[in-house]
């Protein structure tokens, strides 16, 4: 079995829940990609940095403009932390302290400044107000530093916020307060009962959507007693070299003539990557499945399917996923159930 990967949560939709290094991760875009769990395991993401300053980089660097400014003003910026006059945590190095003592934007530090000592490592020794760094919304902490004590909003006491009545938390589906925790066992589903916009798609049967936590509170699911069954099969990222997490589920099963069953199946992935080939293998269940290539939605069948069916089928992901972040197809077979033994999923 594949080794377990470090758990990860970035707060981004469709991101992985484990640290990985997916093929799409690019060093040229590391400022954005290294903030995603699916790229955090890449070697080029080792210098990840977060200064909390709007417009700053998210990796440590030494941009050309850093050398033209006061070290104490620029060293908190990630884009300058790799410069020799800065240290990795945003403070000023010994070389930077020497430069700060003699030059401040081309002028003597002593001229027109007020001496200051905050005791904060790497802070300046005079009262200043550094643009782009000092933030009035963080006045409680920033006004404790000399580099921000010269700001006008550090001179007056903060205004008292208006007292407003606290609204009650929303009621959950069971009448309690706060969101209702939910677990469906489905890939990339929400952990709270919700009603997301795609759940109202009339083209999706209620049995397919009402088993998802993302749709549990929708009006169409209120009186639905029979919900979707657990997944037929799942594949975790890293298995067989596949970077995706894949889930195969039954949407509906209908008995046809001559002992055949029509299974409407849904394949979902944790991240939609166009042109990726996903393979579904029913050989473990000894199920030969016939597929109508024209009936595949959001993907295309690779190769021409034999009329008598086959054990293995491969699908190429299209440019856009279906509303459930996947694709669907109908498989015809003589078996009423396809879940035991489980089909095998790979990419």
C-alpha atoms as a PDB file:
ATOM      1  CA  UNK A   1       0.000   0.000   0.000  1.00  0.00           C
ATOM      2  CA  UNK A   2       1.071   3.611  -0.603  1.00  0.00           C
ATOM      3  CA  UNK A   3       2.705   5.470   2.359  1.00  0.00           C
ATOM      4  CA  UNK A   4       0.432   7.877   4.195  1.00  0.00           C
ATOM      5  CA  UNK A   5       0.868  11.530   3.230  1.00  0.00           C
ATOM      6  CA  UNK A   6       0.883  14.510   5.665  1.00  0.00           C
ATOM      7  CA  UNK A   7      -2.604  15.911   6.262  1.00  0.00           C
ATOM      8  CA  UNK A   8      -3.103  19.405   4.895  1.00  0.00           C
ATOM      9  CA  UNK A   9      -5.850  22.058   4.659  1.00  0.00           C
ATOM     10  CA  UNK A  10      -5.399  25.260   2.662  1.00  0.00           C
ATOM     11  CA  UNK A  11      -9.005  26.490   2.716  1.00  0.00           C
ATOM     12  CA  UNK A  12      -9.097  26.484  -1.095  1.00  0.00           C
ATOM     13  CA  UNK A  13     -11.879  24.732  -2.977  1.00  0.00           C
ATOM     14  CA  UNK A  14     -10.886  21.580  -4.881  1.00  0.00           C
ATOM     15  CA  UNK A  15      -7.486  21.472  -3.123  1.00  0.00           C
ATOM     16  CA  UNK A  16      -6.018  18.204  -1.852  1.00  0.00           C
ATOM     17  CA  UNK A  17      -6.377  17.183   1.798  1.00  0.00           C
ATOM     18  CA  UNK A  18      -2.783  15.862   1.881  1.00  0.00           C
ATOM     19  CA  UNK A  19       0.556  17.415   0.958  1.00  0.00           C
ATOM     20  CA  UNK A  20       1.501  16.396  -2.585  1.00  0.00           C
ATOM     21  CA  UNK A  21       3.519  17.533  -5.583  1.00  0.00           C
ATOM     22  CA  UNK A  22       1.136  17.238  -8.526  1.00  0.00           C
ATOM     23  CA  UNK A  23       2.422  17.383 -12.116  1.00  0.00           C
ATOM     24  CA  UNK A  24       0.723  20.748 -12.703  1.00  0.00           C
ATOM     25  CA  UNK A  25       2.806  22.462  -9.949  1.00  0.00           C
ATOM     26  CA  UNK A  26       5.290  24.873 -11.576  1.00  0.00           C
ATOM     27  CA  UNK A  27       8.307  26.589 -10.027  1.00  0.00           C
ATOM     28  CA  UNK A  28       7.571  29.639 -12.223  1.00  0.00           C
ATOM     29  CA  UNK A  29       4.234  29.993 -10.354  1.00  0.00           C
ATOM     30  CA  UNK A  30       5.457  28.977  -6.911  1.00  0.00           C
ATOM     31  CA  UNK A  31       4.183  32.247  -5.383  1.00  0.00           C
ATOM     32  CA  UNK A  32       0.655  30.865  -5.935  1.00  0.00           C
ATOM     33  CA  UNK A  33       1.159  27.107  -6.206  1.00  0.00           C
ATOM     34  CA  UNK A  34       3.100  26.707  -2.937  1.00  0.00           C
ATOM     35  CA  UNK A  35       0.045  27.909  -1.035  1.00  0.00           C
ATOM     36  CA  UNK A  36      -1.884  24.830  -2.224  1.00  0.00           C
ATOM     37  CA  UNK A  37      -1.689  21.457  -0.460  1.00  0.00           C
ATOM     38  CA  UNK A  38      -1.358  19.709  -3.813  1.00  0.00           C
ATOM     39  CA  UNK A  39       2.028  21.469  -4.320  1.00  0.00           C
ATOM     40  CA  UNK A  40       3.411  21.868  -0.772  1.00  0.00           C
ATOM     41  CA  UNK A  41       5.548  18.700  -1.062  1.00  0.00           C
ATOM     42  CA  UNK A  42       7.432  20.111  -4.085  1.00  0.00           C
ATOM     43  CA  UNK A  43      11.107  20.865  -3.463  1.00  0.00           C
ATOM     44  CA  UNK A  44      10.796  24.458  -4.716  1.00  0.00           C
ATOM     45  CA  UNK A  45       8.217  25.237  -1.997  1.00  0.00           C
ATOM     46  CA  UNK A  46      10.765  24.971   0.828  1.00  0.00           C
ATOM     47  CA  UNK A  47      11.091  28.767   1.112  1.00  0.00           C
ATOM     48  CA  UNK A  48       7.403  29.498   1.723  1.00  0.00           C
ATOM     49  CA  UNK A  49       6.858  32.806   3.527  1.00  0.00           C
ATOM     50  CA  UNK A  50       3.845  34.792   4.779  1.00  0.00           C
ATOM     51  CA  UNK A  51       4.385  38.388   5.943  1.00  0.00           C
ATOM     52  CA  UNK A  52       0.679  39.261   6.055  1.00  0.00           C
ATOM     53  CA  UNK A  53       1.424  42.392   3.979  1.00  0.00           C
ATOM     54  CA  UNK A  54      -0.909  42.888   0.965  1.00  0.00           C
ATOM     55  CA  UNK A  55       0.834  42.490  -2.406  1.00  0.00           C
ATOM     56  CA  UNK A  56       3.912  40.774  -0.924  1.00  0.00           C
ATOM     57  CA  UNK A  57       5.372  37.531  -2.290  1.00  0.00           C
ATOM     58  CA  UNK A  58       4.693  34.200  -0.556  1.00  0.00           C
ATOM     59  CA  UNK A  59       8.262  32.920  -0.875  1.00  0.00           C
ATOM     60  CA  UNK A  60      11.489  34.454   0.463  1.00  0.00           C
ATOM     61  CA  UNK A  61      13.407  36.418  -2.193  1.00  0.00           C
ATOM     62  CA  UNK A  62      15.656  39.456  -2.672  1.00  0.00           C
ATOM     63  CA  UNK A  63      14.018  41.780  -5.171  1.00  0.00           C
ATOM     64  CA  UNK A  64      16.116  44.558  -6.798  1.00  0.00           C
ATOM     65  CA  UNK A  65      14.188  47.377  -5.086  1.00  0.00           C
ATOM     66  CA  UNK A  66      15.079  46.086  -1.612  1.00  0.00           C
ATOM     67  CA  UNK A  67      18.612  47.515  -1.797  1.00  0.00           C
ATOM     68  CA  UNK A  68      17.351  51.063  -2.303  1.00  0.00           C
ATOM     69  CA  UNK A  69      15.417  51.369   0.972  1.00  0.00           C
ATOM     70  CA  UNK A  70      15.884  51.333   4.737  1.00  0.00           C
ATOM     71  CA  UNK A  71      16.566  47.702   5.847  1.00  0.00           C
ATOM     72  CA  UNK A  72      14.191  47.999   8.804  1.00  0.00           C
ATOM     73  CA  UNK A  73      11.415  49.057   6.427  1.00  0.00           C
ATOM     74  CA  UNK A  74      11.869  46.263   3.862  1.00  0.00           C
ATOM     75  CA  UNK A  75      13.142  43.246   5.830  1.00  0.00           C
ATOM     76  CA  UNK A  76       9.629  42.332   7.080  1.00  0.00           C
ATOM     77  CA  UNK A  77       8.663  41.831   3.402  1.00  0.00           C
ATOM     78  CA  UNK A  78       9.073  38.261   2.071  1.00  0.00           C
ATOM     79  CA  UNK A  79      10.409  39.676  -1.190  1.00  0.00           C
ATOM     80  CA  UNK A  80      13.430  41.049   0.715  1.00  0.00           C
ATOM     81  CA  UNK A  81      14.086  38.424   3.425  1.00  0.00           C
ATOM     82  CA  UNK A  82      16.772  36.637   1.379  1.00  0.00           C
ATOM     83  CA  UNK A  83      18.848  39.831   1.082  1.00  0.00           C
ATOM     84  CA  UNK A  84      22.138  39.834   3.079  1.00  0.00           C
ATOM     85  CA  UNK A  85      20.970  42.719   5.273  1.00  0.00           C
ATOM     86  CA  UNK A  86      17.853  40.771   6.396  1.00  0.00           C
ATOM     87  CA  UNK A  87      17.250  37.547   8.311  1.00  0.00           C
ATOM     88  CA  UNK A  88      14.719  34.859   7.452  1.00  0.00           C
ATOM     89  CA  UNK A  89      12.159  35.805  10.131  1.00  0.00           C
ATOM     90  CA  UNK A  90      11.893  39.412   8.854  1.00  0.00           C
ATOM     91  CA  UNK A  91      14.402  41.062  11.157  1.00  0.00           C
ATOM     92  CA  UNK A  92      17.526  43.070  10.258  1.00  0.00           C
ATOM     93  CA  UNK A  93      20.921  41.318  10.146  1.00  0.00           C
ATOM     94  CA  UNK A  94      24.130  42.780  11.587  1.00  0.00           C
ATOM     95  CA  UNK A  95      24.999  44.094   8.120  1.00  0.00           C
ATOM     96  CA  UNK A  96      21.578  45.740   7.914  1.00  0.00           C
ATOM     97  CA  UNK A  97      21.957  47.284  11.391  1.00  0.00           C
ATOM     98  CA  UNK A  98      25.201  48.927  10.250  1.00  0.00           C
ATOM     99  CA  UNK A  99      23.508  50.334   7.140  1.00  0.00           C
ATOM    100  CA  UNK A 100      20.526  51.563   9.152  1.00  0.00           C
ATOM    101  CA  UNK A 101      22.757  53.414  11.602  1.00  0.00           C
ATOM    102  CA  UNK A 102      24.178  55.609   8.826  1.00  0.00           C
ATOM    103  CA  UNK A 103      21.607  55.852   6.047  1.00  0.00           C
ATOM    104  CA  UNK A 104      17.842  56.307   5.938  1.00  0.00           C
ATOM    105  CA  UNK A 105      16.680  56.985   2.383  1.00  0.00           C
ATOM    106  CA  UNK A 106      19.921  58.910   1.778  1.00  0.00           C
ATOM    107  CA  UNK A 107      19.712  61.054   4.969  1.00  0.00           C
ATOM    108  CA  UNK A 108      21.249  60.859   8.415  1.00  0.00           C
ATOM    109  CA  UNK A 109      19.075  58.959  10.825  1.00  0.00           C
ATOM    110  CA  UNK A 110      19.656  61.570  13.493  1.00  0.00           C
ATOM    111  CA  UNK A 111      18.278  64.378  11.350  1.00  0.00           C
ATOM    112  CA  UNK A 112      14.599  65.125  11.962  1.00  0.00           C
ATOM    113  CA  UNK A 113      13.876  61.891  13.866  1.00  0.00           C
ATOM    114  CA  UNK A 114      12.933  60.982  17.416  1.00  0.00           C
ATOM    115  CA  UNK A 115      14.922  58.278  19.192  1.00  0.00           C
ATOM    116  CA  UNK A 116      12.888  55.167  20.004  1.00  0.00           C
ATOM    117  CA  UNK A 117      13.467  51.774  21.577  1.00  0.00           C
ATOM    118  CA  UNK A 118      10.716  49.146  21.483  1.00  0.00           C
ATOM    119  CA  UNK A 119      12.708  46.074  22.459  1.00  0.00           C
ATOM    120  CA  UNK A 120      11.390  44.285  19.353  1.00  0.00           C
ATOM    121  CA  UNK A 121      14.136  42.351  17.539  1.00  0.00           C
ATOM    122  CA  UNK A 122      14.958  43.942  14.177  1.00  0.00           C
ATOM    123  CA  UNK A 123      12.974  47.138  14.871  1.00  0.00           C
ATOM    124  CA  UNK A 124      14.352  50.600  13.973  1.00  0.00           C
ATOM    125  CA  UNK A 125      15.821  52.974  16.571  1.00  0.00           C
ATOM    126  CA  UNK A 126      13.664  55.979  15.614  1.00  0.00           C
ATOM    127  CA  UNK A 127       9.946  56.712  15.312  1.00  0.00           C
ATOM    128  CA  UNK A 128       8.730  56.139  11.772  1.00  0.00           C
ATOM    129  CA  UNK A 129       5.652  55.190   9.735  1.00  0.00           C
ATOM    130  CA  UNK A 130       6.639  52.679   7.032  1.00  0.00           C
ATOM    131  CA  UNK A 131       4.192  52.690   4.075  1.00  0.00           C
ATOM    132  CA  UNK A 132       2.840  49.265   3.101  1.00  0.00           C
ATOM    133  CA  UNK A 133       3.892  47.765   6.434  1.00  0.00           C
ATOM    134  CA  UNK A 134       2.107  49.764   9.144  1.00  0.00           C
ATOM    135  CA  UNK A 135      -1.604  48.919   9.151  1.00  0.00           C
ATOM    136  CA  UNK A 136      -4.253  50.806  11.134  1.00  0.00           C
ATOM    137  CA  UNK A 137      -6.349  47.633  11.409  1.00  0.00           C
ATOM    138  CA  UNK A 138      -3.431  46.102  13.380  1.00  0.00           C
ATOM    139  CA  UNK A 139      -2.735  49.191  15.476  1.00  0.00           C
ATOM    140  CA  UNK A 140      -2.700  47.280  18.777  1.00  0.00           C
ATOM    141  CA  UNK A 141       0.464  45.415  17.741  1.00  0.00           C
ATOM    142  CA  UNK A 142       1.968  47.752  15.114  1.00  0.00           C
ATOM    143  CA  UNK A 143       1.925  50.814  17.409  1.00  0.00           C
ATOM    144  CA  UNK A 144       4.186  48.894  19.803  1.00  0.00           C
ATOM    145  CA  UNK A 145       6.991  49.054  17.196  1.00  0.00           C
ATOM    146  CA  UNK A 146       9.173  52.094  16.505  1.00  0.00           C
ATOM    147  CA  UNK A 147       8.755  51.617  12.747  1.00  0.00           C
ATOM    148  CA  UNK A 148       5.018  52.470  13.121  1.00  0.00           C
ATOM    149  CA  UNK A 149       4.868  54.800  16.144  1.00  0.00           C
ATOM    150  CA  UNK A 150       5.202  57.836  13.869  1.00  0.00           C
ATOM    151  CA  UNK A 151       1.859  57.077  12.178  1.00  0.00           C
ATOM    152  CA  UNK A 152      -0.894  59.570  13.001  1.00  0.00           C
ATOM    153  CA  UNK A 153      -3.268  56.831  14.097  1.00  0.00           C
ATOM    154  CA  UNK A 154      -0.782  55.736  16.753  1.00  0.00           C
ATOM    155  CA  UNK A 155      -0.986  59.164  18.445  1.00  0.00           C
ATOM    156  CA  UNK A 156      -4.698  59.145  19.323  1.00  0.00           C
ATOM    157  CA  UNK A 157      -6.628  56.489  21.248  1.00  0.00           C
ATOM    158  CA  UNK A 158      -8.603  54.112  19.015  1.00  0.00           C
ATOM    159  CA  UNK A 159     -12.289  54.953  18.583  1.00  0.00           C
ATOM    160  CA  UNK A 160     -14.733  52.834  20.546  1.00  0.00           C
ATOM    161  CA  UNK A 161     -16.555  50.393  18.265  1.00  0.00           C
ATOM    162  CA  UNK A 162     -20.356  50.748  18.175  1.00  0.00           C
ATOM    163  CA  UNK A 163     -22.183  48.301  20.384  1.00  0.00           C
ATOM    164  CA  UNK A 164     -24.505  46.196  18.302  1.00  0.00           C
ATOM    165  CA  UNK A 165     -26.684  43.328  19.473  1.00  0.00           C
ATOM    166  CA  UNK A 166     -25.114  39.972  18.736  1.00  0.00           C
ATOM    167  CA  UNK A 167     -27.252  38.006  16.260  1.00  0.00           C
ATOM    168  CA  UNK A 168     -28.152  34.468  17.280  1.00  0.00           C
ATOM    169  CA  UNK A 169     -26.282  31.680  15.449  1.00  0.00           C
ATOM    170  CA  UNK A 170     -28.262  30.055  12.629  1.00  0.00           C
ATOM    171  CA  UNK A 171     -30.383  27.058  13.522  1.00  0.00           C
ATOM    172  CA  UNK A 172     -29.317  23.744  12.055  1.00  0.00           C
ATOM    173  CA  UNK A 173     -31.644  21.227  10.443  1.00  0.00           C
ATOM    174  CA  UNK A 174     -32.422  19.616  13.811  1.00  0.00           C
ATOM    175  CA  UNK A 175     -33.419  22.841  15.558  1.00  0.00           C
ATOM    176  CA  UNK A 176     -30.117  23.348  17.382  1.00  0.00           C
ATOM    177  CA  UNK A 177     -27.801  26.328  17.002  1.00  0.00           C
ATOM    178  CA  UNK A 178     -24.919  26.428  14.546  1.00  0.00           C
ATOM    179  CA  UNK A 179     -24.232  24.309  11.437  1.00  0.00           C
ATOM    180  CA  UNK A 180     -24.996  20.604  11.549  1.00  0.00           C
ATOM    181  CA  UNK A 181     -21.925  18.377  11.294  1.00  0.00           C
ATOM    182  CA  UNK A 182     -22.191  15.870   8.466  1.00  0.00           C
ATOM    183  CA  UNK A 183     -20.186  12.973   7.020  1.00  0.00           C
ATOM    184  CA  UNK A 184     -21.270  11.135   3.865  1.00  0.00           C
ATOM    185  CA  UNK A 185     -18.133   9.156   3.061  1.00  0.00           C
ATOM    186  CA  UNK A 186     -18.012  10.751  -0.411  1.00  0.00           C
ATOM    187  CA  UNK A 187     -14.909  12.316  -1.922  1.00  0.00           C
ATOM    188  CA  UNK A 188     -14.376  16.071  -1.287  1.00  0.00           C
ATOM    189  CA  UNK A 189     -17.852  16.436   0.244  1.00  0.00           C
ATOM    190  CA  UNK A 190     -18.534  19.188   2.810  1.00  0.00           C
ATOM    191  CA  UNK A 191     -18.291  18.464   6.535  1.00  0.00           C
ATOM    192  CA  UNK A 192     -21.453  20.452   7.273  1.00  0.00           C
ATOM    193  CA  UNK A 193     -25.018  20.026   6.000  1.00  0.00           C
ATOM    194  CA  UNK A 194     -25.533  22.608   3.231  1.00  0.00           C
ATOM    195  CA  UNK A 195     -27.404  23.334   0.019  1.00  0.00           C
ATOM    196  CA  UNK A 196     -24.886  24.352  -2.631  1.00  0.00           C
ATOM    197  CA  UNK A 197     -26.135  25.865  -5.929  1.00  0.00           C
ATOM    198  CA  UNK A 198     -25.342  22.814  -8.087  1.00  0.00           C
ATOM    199  CA  UNK A 199     -27.620  20.622  -5.937  1.00  0.00           C
ATOM    200  CA  UNK A 200     -30.699  22.178  -7.560  1.00  0.00           C
ATOM    201  CA  UNK A 201     -29.738  20.912 -11.044  1.00  0.00           C
ATOM    202  CA  UNK A 202     -32.878  19.097 -12.216  1.00  0.00           C
ATOM    203  CA  UNK A 203     -30.775  16.916 -14.499  1.00  0.00           C
ATOM    204  CA  UNK A 204     -29.339  15.170 -11.434  1.00  0.00           C
ATOM    205  CA  UNK A 205     -31.654  12.642  -9.718  1.00  0.00           C
ATOM    206  CA  UNK A 206     -32.365  13.204  -6.035  1.00  0.00           C
ATOM    207  CA  UNK A 207     -30.835   9.828  -5.218  1.00  0.00           C
ATOM    208  CA  UNK A 208     -27.516  11.146  -6.533  1.00  0.00           C
ATOM    209  CA  UNK A 209     -27.420  14.464  -4.694  1.00  0.00           C
ATOM    210  CA  UNK A 210     -29.312  13.895  -1.430  1.00  0.00           C
ATOM    211  CA  UNK A 211     -26.676  11.502  -0.156  1.00  0.00           C
ATOM    212  CA  UNK A 212     -24.151  14.367  -0.203  1.00  0.00           C
ATOM    213  CA  UNK A 213     -23.671  16.643   2.800  1.00  0.00           C
ATOM    214  CA  UNK A 214     -23.356  19.525   0.312  1.00  0.00           C
ATOM    215  CA  UNK A 215     -27.045  19.049  -0.618  1.00  0.00           C
ATOM    216  CA  UNK A 216     -28.568  17.719   2.595  1.00  0.00           C
ATOM    217  CA  UNK A 217     -30.531  20.865   3.540  1.00  0.00           C
ATOM    218  CA  UNK A 218     -31.985  21.468   0.048  1.00  0.00           C
ATOM    219  CA  UNK A 219     -35.757  21.447  -0.259  1.00  0.00           C
ATOM    220  CA  UNK A 220     -35.689  18.622  -2.800  1.00  0.00           C
ATOM    221  CA  UNK A 221     -34.017  16.371  -0.209  1.00  0.00           C
ATOM    222  CA  UNK A 222     -36.495  17.049   2.612  1.00  0.00           C
ATOM    223  CA  UNK A 223     -38.763  14.097   1.817  1.00  0.00           C
ATOM    224  CA  UNK A 224     -36.206  11.830   0.151  1.00  0.00           C
ATOM    225  CA  UNK A 225     -35.966   8.619   2.147  1.00  0.00           C
ATOM    226  CA  UNK A 226     -33.738   6.608  -0.179  1.00  0.00           C
ATOM    227  CA  UNK A 227     -30.394   8.349  -0.631  1.00  0.00           C
ATOM    228  CA  UNK A 228     -27.327   7.423  -2.649  1.00  0.00           C
ATOM    229  CA  UNK A 229     -25.361   4.389  -1.460  1.00  0.00           C
ATOM    230  CA  UNK A 230     -21.711   4.628  -0.343  1.00  0.00           C
ATOM    231  CA  UNK A 231     -19.136   4.692  -3.181  1.00  0.00           C
ATOM    232  CA  UNK A 232     -18.584   1.489  -5.174  1.00  0.00           C
ATOM    233  CA  UNK A 233     -14.839   2.108  -5.109  1.00  0.00           C
ATOM    234  CA  UNK A 234     -12.271   4.761  -4.200  1.00  0.00           C
ATOM    235  CA  UNK A 235      -8.629   5.350  -5.093  1.00  0.00           C
ATOM    236  CA  UNK A 236      -6.367   7.533  -2.973  1.00  0.00           C
ATOM    237  CA  UNK A 237      -3.730   9.902  -4.361  1.00  0.00           C
ATOM    238  CA  UNK A 238      -0.417   8.136  -4.877  1.00  0.00           C
ATOM    239  CA  UNK A 239      -1.830   4.676  -5.595  1.00  0.00           C
ATOM    240  CA  UNK A 240      -0.379   3.199  -8.800  1.00  0.00           C
ATOM    241  CA  UNK A 241       1.363   6.545  -9.392  1.00  0.00           C
ATOM    242  CA  UNK A 242      -1.940   8.369  -9.893  1.00  0.00           C
ATOM    243  CA  UNK A 243      -1.923  11.889  -8.317  1.00  0.00           C
ATOM    244  CA  UNK A 244      -5.732  12.100  -8.139  1.00  0.00           C
ATOM    245  CA  UNK A 245      -8.240  10.830  -5.614  1.00  0.00           C
ATOM    246  CA  UNK A 246     -11.033   9.043  -7.507  1.00  0.00           C
ATOM    247  CA  UNK A 247     -14.496   7.823  -6.480  1.00  0.00           C
ATOM    248  CA  UNK A 248     -16.925   5.585  -8.399  1.00  0.00           C
ATOM    249  CA  UNK A 249     -20.610   5.676  -7.341  1.00  0.00           C
ATOM    250  CA  UNK A 250     -23.916   4.302  -8.585  1.00  0.00           C
ATOM    251  CA  UNK A 251     -26.464   6.990  -9.457  1.00  0.00           C
ATOM    252  CA  UNK A 252     -29.250   4.591 -10.452  1.00  0.00           C
ATOM    253  CA  UNK A 253     -29.841   0.990 -11.549  1.00  0.00           C
ATOM    254  CA  UNK A 254     -32.637  -0.038 -13.927  1.00  0.00           C
ATOM    255  CA  UNK A 255     -33.596  -3.557 -15.019  1.00  0.00           C
ATOM    256  CA  UNK A 256     -33.736  -3.909 -18.810  1.00  0.00           C
ATOM    257  CA  UNK A 257     -35.071  -6.662 -21.054  1.00  0.00           C
ATOM    258  CA  UNK A 258     -33.369 -10.038 -21.478  1.00  0.00           C
ATOM    259  CA  UNK A 259     -31.818  -9.947 -17.996  1.00  0.00           C
ATOM    260  CA  UNK A 260     -29.678  -6.847 -18.549  1.00  0.00           C
ATOM    261  CA  UNK A 261     -29.204  -4.033 -16.027  1.00  0.00           C
ATOM    262  CA  UNK A 262     -28.485  -0.402 -16.905  1.00  0.00           C
ATOM    263  CA  UNK A 263     -26.192   1.145 -14.260  1.00  0.00           C
ATOM    264  CA  UNK A 264     -25.839   4.934 -14.330  1.00  0.00           C
ATOM    265  CA  UNK A 265     -22.381   5.493 -12.827  1.00  0.00           C
ATOM    266  CA  UNK A 266     -20.612   8.653 -11.656  1.00  0.00           C
ATOM    267  CA  UNK A 267     -16.833   9.118 -11.413  1.00  0.00           C
ATOM    268  CA  UNK A 268     -15.634  12.034  -9.268  1.00  0.00           C
ATOM    269  CA  UNK A 269     -12.076  13.349  -8.764  1.00  0.00           C
ATOM    270  CA  UNK A 270     -10.619  15.684  -6.150  1.00  0.00           C
ATOM    271  CA  UNK A 271      -9.254  17.975  -8.884  1.00  0.00           C
ATOM    272  CA  UNK A 272     -10.477  18.217 -12.467  1.00  0.00           C
ATOM    273  CA  UNK A 273      -7.449  17.974 -14.807  1.00  0.00           C
ATOM    274  CA  UNK A 274      -8.531  18.103 -18.488  1.00  0.00           C
ATOM    275  CA  UNK A 275      -7.101  15.365 -20.782  1.00  0.00           C
ATOM    276  CA  UNK A 276      -6.214  13.132 -17.819  1.00  0.00           C
ATOM    277  CA  UNK A 277      -7.176   9.503 -18.546  1.00  0.00           C
ATOM    278  CA  UNK A 278      -9.108   7.714 -15.774  1.00  0.00           C
ATOM    279  CA  UNK A 279      -9.481   3.901 -16.011  1.00  0.00           C
ATOM    280  CA  UNK A 280     -12.267   1.834 -14.424  1.00  0.00           C
ATOM    281  CA  UNK A 281     -11.513  -1.904 -14.211  1.00  0.00           C
ATOM    282  CA  UNK A 282     -14.429  -4.286 -13.454  1.00  0.00           C
ATOM    283  CA  UNK A 283     -12.391  -7.490 -13.887  1.00  0.00           C
ATOM    284  CA  UNK A 284     -12.193  -8.160 -10.121  1.00  0.00           C
ATOM    285  CA  UNK A 285     -15.991  -8.359 -10.082  1.00  0.00           C
ATOM    286  CA  UNK A 286     -15.879 -10.524 -13.256  1.00  0.00           C
ATOM    287  CA  UNK A 287     -18.285  -8.039 -14.845  1.00  0.00           C
ATOM    288  CA  UNK A 288     -18.114  -7.426 -18.585  1.00  0.00           C
ATOM    289  CA  UNK A 289     -19.672  -3.968 -19.083  1.00  0.00           C
ATOM    290  CA  UNK A 290     -20.948  -2.501 -22.363  1.00  0.00           C
ATOM    291  CA  UNK A 291     -20.864   1.300 -22.718  1.00  0.00           C
ATOM    292  CA  UNK A 292     -22.531   3.658 -25.169  1.00  0.00           C
ATOM    293  CA  UNK A 293     -19.753   6.135 -26.079  1.00  0.00           C
ATOM    294  CA  UNK A 294     -22.316   8.798 -27.050  1.00  0.00           C
ATOM    295  CA  UNK A 295     -23.839   8.680 -23.555  1.00  0.00           C
ATOM    296  CA  UNK A 296     -20.658   9.652 -21.647  1.00  0.00           C
ATOM    297  CA  UNK A 297     -20.981  13.143 -20.108  1.00  0.00           C
ATOM    298  CA  UNK A 298     -18.032  15.500 -19.375  1.00  0.00           C
ATOM    299  CA  UNK A 299     -15.506  12.928 -20.634  1.00  0.00           C
ATOM    300  CA  UNK A 300     -14.861  10.790 -23.719  1.00  0.00           C
ATOM    301  CA  UNK A 301     -14.358   7.048 -24.002  1.00  0.00           C
ATOM    302  CA  UNK A 302     -10.828   6.109 -25.114  1.00  0.00           C
ATOM    303  CA  UNK A 303     -10.980   3.669 -28.022  1.00  0.00           C
ATOM    304  CA  UNK A 304     -13.995   1.971 -29.591  1.00  0.00           C
ATOM    305  CA  UNK A 305     -15.988  -0.135 -27.094  1.00  0.00           C
ATOM    306  CA  UNK A 306     -16.721  -3.746 -28.185  1.00  0.00           C
ATOM    307  CA  UNK A 307     -20.481  -4.461 -28.552  1.00  0.00           C
ATOM    308  CA  UNK A 308     -20.273  -7.412 -26.167  1.00  0.00           C
ATOM    309  CA  UNK A 309     -18.662  -5.226 -23.475  1.00  0.00           C
ATOM    310  CA  UNK A 310     -15.272  -5.250 -21.764  1.00  0.00           C
ATOM    311  CA  UNK A 311     -13.818  -5.538 -18.268  1.00  0.00           C
ATOM    312  CA  UNK A 312     -11.768  -2.309 -18.508  1.00  0.00           C
ATOM    313  CA  UNK A 313     -12.739   1.123 -19.831  1.00  0.00           C
ATOM    314  CA  UNK A 314     -10.668   4.313 -20.000  1.00  0.00           C
ATOM    315  CA  UNK A 315     -12.081   7.843 -20.126  1.00  0.00           C
ATOM    316  CA  UNK A 316     -10.368  11.115 -21.077  1.00  0.00           C
ATOM    317  CA  UNK A 317     -11.507  14.065 -18.935  1.00  0.00           C
ATOM    318  CA  UNK A 318     -13.086  16.879 -20.916  1.00  0.00           C
ATOM    319  CA  UNK A 319     -12.420  20.621 -20.572  1.00  0.00           C
ATOM    320  CA  UNK A 320     -15.111  21.026 -17.895  1.00  0.00           C
ATOM    321  CA  UNK A 321     -16.402  18.829 -15.099  1.00  0.00           C
ATOM    322  CA  UNK A 322     -20.040  18.116 -14.348  1.00  0.00           C
ATOM    323  CA  UNK A 323     -21.596  19.941 -11.401  1.00  0.00           C
ATOM    324  CA  UNK A 324     -20.484  17.140  -9.062  1.00  0.00           C
ATOM    325  CA  UNK A 325     -16.835  17.566 -10.192  1.00  0.00           C
ATOM    326  CA  UNK A 326     -16.851  14.428 -12.264  1.00  0.00           C
ATOM    327  CA  UNK A 327     -18.280  12.619 -15.283  1.00  0.00           C
ATOM    328  CA  UNK A 328     -20.983   9.995 -15.756  1.00  0.00           C
ATOM    329  CA  UNK A 329     -21.793   7.092 -18.091  1.00  0.00           C
ATOM    330  CA  UNK A 330     -24.207   4.163 -18.383  1.00  0.00           C
ATOM    331  CA  UNK A 331     -22.874   0.621 -18.196  1.00  0.00           C
ATOM    332  CA  UNK A 332     -24.938  -2.365 -19.347  1.00  0.00           C
ATOM    333  CA  UNK A 333     -24.233  -5.736 -17.733  1.00  0.00           C
ATOM    334  CA  UNK A 334     -25.979  -8.887 -16.589  1.00  0.00           C
ATOM    335  CA  UNK A 335     -25.150  -8.194 -12.940  1.00  0.00           C
ATOM    336  CA  UNK A 336     -27.504  -6.322 -10.644  1.00  0.00           C
ATOM    337  CA  UNK A 337     -24.622  -5.087  -8.454  1.00  0.00           C
ATOM    338  CA  UNK A 338     -21.090  -4.003  -9.412  1.00  0.00           C
ATOM    339  CA  UNK A 339     -19.667  -3.325  -5.972  1.00  0.00           C
ATOM    340  CA  UNK A 340     -18.354  -6.724  -4.852  1.00  0.00           C
ATOM    341  CA  UNK A 341     -15.477  -7.218  -5.354  1.00  0.00           C
ATOM    342  CA  UNK A 342     -14.731  -3.533  -5.806  1.00  0.00           C
ATOM    343  CA  UNK A 343     -13.780  -2.204  -9.249  1.00  0.00           C
ATOM    344  CA  UNK A 344     -10.237  -0.836  -9.533  1.00  0.00           C
ATOM    345  CA  UNK A 345      -9.649   2.868 -10.315  1.00  0.00           C
ATOM    346  CA  UNK A 346      -6.456   4.385 -11.741  1.00  0.00           C
ATOM    347  CA  UNK A 347      -5.215   7.259 -13.892  1.00  0.00           C
END
